[in-house]
Amino acid sequence: MWLTGGDIGDPNALEIDGDRLLVGNNADQSLKSIDLAPGP
C-alpha cells in the first residue's frame, strides 16, 4: 500500500541493500528506505 501514498514522488534511483529497498526521492530531496523483509 505504500506505493499508493504520497511519500515517494518522482523517484530517481533504486538500490536493493539486503532486506531494504533504497529510493532516491526527488520530491523532497531525500533517500527513503523500505523494509522488504516479510512481516510477522
N, C-alpha and C. Protein backbone atom coordinates (compact mmCIF):
# COMPACT_ATOMS: atom_id res chain seq x y z
N MET A 1 0.81 -1.21 0.00
CA MET A 1 0.00 0.00 0.00
C MET A 1 0.85 1.27 0.00
N TRP A 2 2.12 1.17 0.39
CA TRP A 2 2.94 2.37 0.43
C TRP A 2 3.14 2.97 -0.95
N LEU A 3 2.96 2.16 -1.99
CA LEU A 3 3.11 2.70 -3.34
C LEU A 3 1.98 3.65 -3.72
N THR A 4 0.85 3.56 -3.05
CA THR A 4 -0.28 4.42 -3.38
C THR A 4 -0.27 5.72 -2.58
N GLY A 5 0.60 5.83 -1.59
CA GLY A 5 0.66 7.03 -0.76
C GLY A 5 1.48 8.13 -1.42
N GLY A 6 1.62 9.24 -0.75
CA GLY A 6 2.35 10.38 -1.29
C GLY A 6 3.76 10.50 -0.77
N ASP A 7 4.31 9.46 -0.13
CA ASP A 7 5.64 9.55 0.47
C ASP A 7 6.76 9.55 -0.56
N ILE A 8 6.52 8.93 -1.70
CA ILE A 8 7.55 8.87 -2.74
C ILE A 8 7.03 9.59 -3.97
N GLY A 9 7.75 10.64 -4.36
CA GLY A 9 7.36 11.42 -5.53
C GLY A 9 8.55 11.61 -6.44
N ASP A 10 8.41 11.28 -7.69
CA ASP A 10 9.45 11.43 -8.69
C ASP A 10 10.73 10.68 -8.29
N PRO A 11 10.63 9.35 -8.07
CA PRO A 11 11.82 8.58 -7.70
C PRO A 11 12.86 8.62 -8.83
N ASN A 12 14.15 8.69 -8.45
CA ASN A 12 15.17 8.76 -9.48
C ASN A 12 16.25 7.70 -9.34
N ALA A 13 16.20 6.87 -8.29
CA ALA A 13 17.20 5.81 -8.13
C ALA A 13 16.64 4.71 -7.25
N LEU A 14 16.99 3.47 -7.56
CA LEU A 14 16.59 2.32 -6.76
C LEU A 14 17.82 1.48 -6.47
N GLU A 15 17.89 0.95 -5.25
CA GLU A 15 19.00 0.08 -4.86
C GLU A 15 18.49 -0.91 -3.83
N ILE A 16 18.81 -2.19 -4.01
CA ILE A 16 18.49 -3.21 -3.01
C ILE A 16 19.71 -3.33 -2.09
N ASP A 17 19.48 -3.24 -0.79
CA ASP A 17 20.53 -3.36 0.22
C ASP A 17 20.06 -4.36 1.27
N GLY A 18 20.38 -5.64 1.05
CA GLY A 18 19.90 -6.69 1.96
C GLY A 18 18.39 -6.80 1.90
N ASP A 19 17.72 -6.55 3.01
CA ASP A 19 16.25 -6.61 3.08
C ASP A 19 15.61 -5.23 2.95
N ARG A 20 16.35 -4.26 2.39
CA ARG A 20 15.82 -2.92 2.22
C ARG A 20 15.85 -2.50 0.76
N LEU A 21 14.86 -1.71 0.38
CA LEU A 21 14.87 -1.04 -0.91
C LEU A 21 15.14 0.43 -0.63
N LEU A 22 16.19 0.97 -1.23
CA LEU A 22 16.52 2.38 -1.07
C LEU A 22 16.03 3.11 -2.31
N VAL A 23 15.36 4.23 -2.09
CA VAL A 23 14.76 5.00 -3.19
C VAL A 23 15.20 6.45 -3.08
N GLY A 24 15.86 6.95 -4.11
CA GLY A 24 16.16 8.38 -4.18
C GLY A 24 14.88 9.10 -4.55
N ASN A 25 14.52 10.09 -3.75
CA ASN A 25 13.23 10.76 -3.89
C ASN A 25 13.44 12.23 -4.27
N ASN A 26 13.13 12.58 -5.52
CA ASN A 26 13.29 13.96 -5.97
C ASN A 26 12.29 14.92 -5.34
N ALA A 27 11.13 14.44 -4.94
CA ALA A 27 10.09 15.32 -4.43
C ALA A 27 10.55 16.10 -3.21
N ASP A 28 11.29 15.44 -2.31
CA ASP A 28 11.77 16.15 -1.12
C ASP A 28 13.29 16.02 -0.94
N GLN A 29 13.99 15.62 -2.01
CA GLN A 29 15.45 15.50 -2.00
C GLN A 29 15.96 14.62 -0.86
N SER A 30 15.32 13.45 -0.67
CA SER A 30 15.71 12.55 0.41
C SER A 30 15.96 11.14 -0.12
N LEU A 31 16.49 10.31 0.74
CA LEU A 31 16.68 8.90 0.45
C LEU A 31 15.75 8.12 1.35
N LYS A 32 14.81 7.39 0.76
CA LYS A 32 13.84 6.61 1.52
C LYS A 32 14.32 5.17 1.64
N SER A 33 14.03 4.54 2.75
CA SER A 33 14.36 3.15 2.99
C SER A 33 13.09 2.37 3.27
N ILE A 34 12.88 1.29 2.51
CA ILE A 34 11.67 0.49 2.64
C ILE A 34 12.07 -0.93 3.02
N ASP A 35 11.54 -1.44 4.12
CA ASP A 35 11.84 -2.77 4.61
C ASP A 35 11.13 -3.80 3.73
N LEU A 36 11.90 -4.71 3.13
CA LEU A 36 11.33 -5.74 2.25
C LEU A 36 11.17 -7.08 2.95
N ALA A 37 11.65 -7.20 4.18
CA ALA A 37 11.53 -8.47 4.90
C ALA A 37 10.08 -8.76 5.21
N PRO A 38 9.69 -10.03 5.12
CA PRO A 38 8.30 -10.37 5.44
C PRO A 38 7.97 -10.03 6.89
N GLY A 39 6.78 -9.54 7.10
CA GLY A 39 6.33 -9.18 8.44
C GLY A 39 5.86 -10.39 9.22
N PRO A 40 5.51 -10.16 10.48
CA PRO A 40 5.04 -11.28 11.32
C PRO A 40 3.71 -11.84 10.88
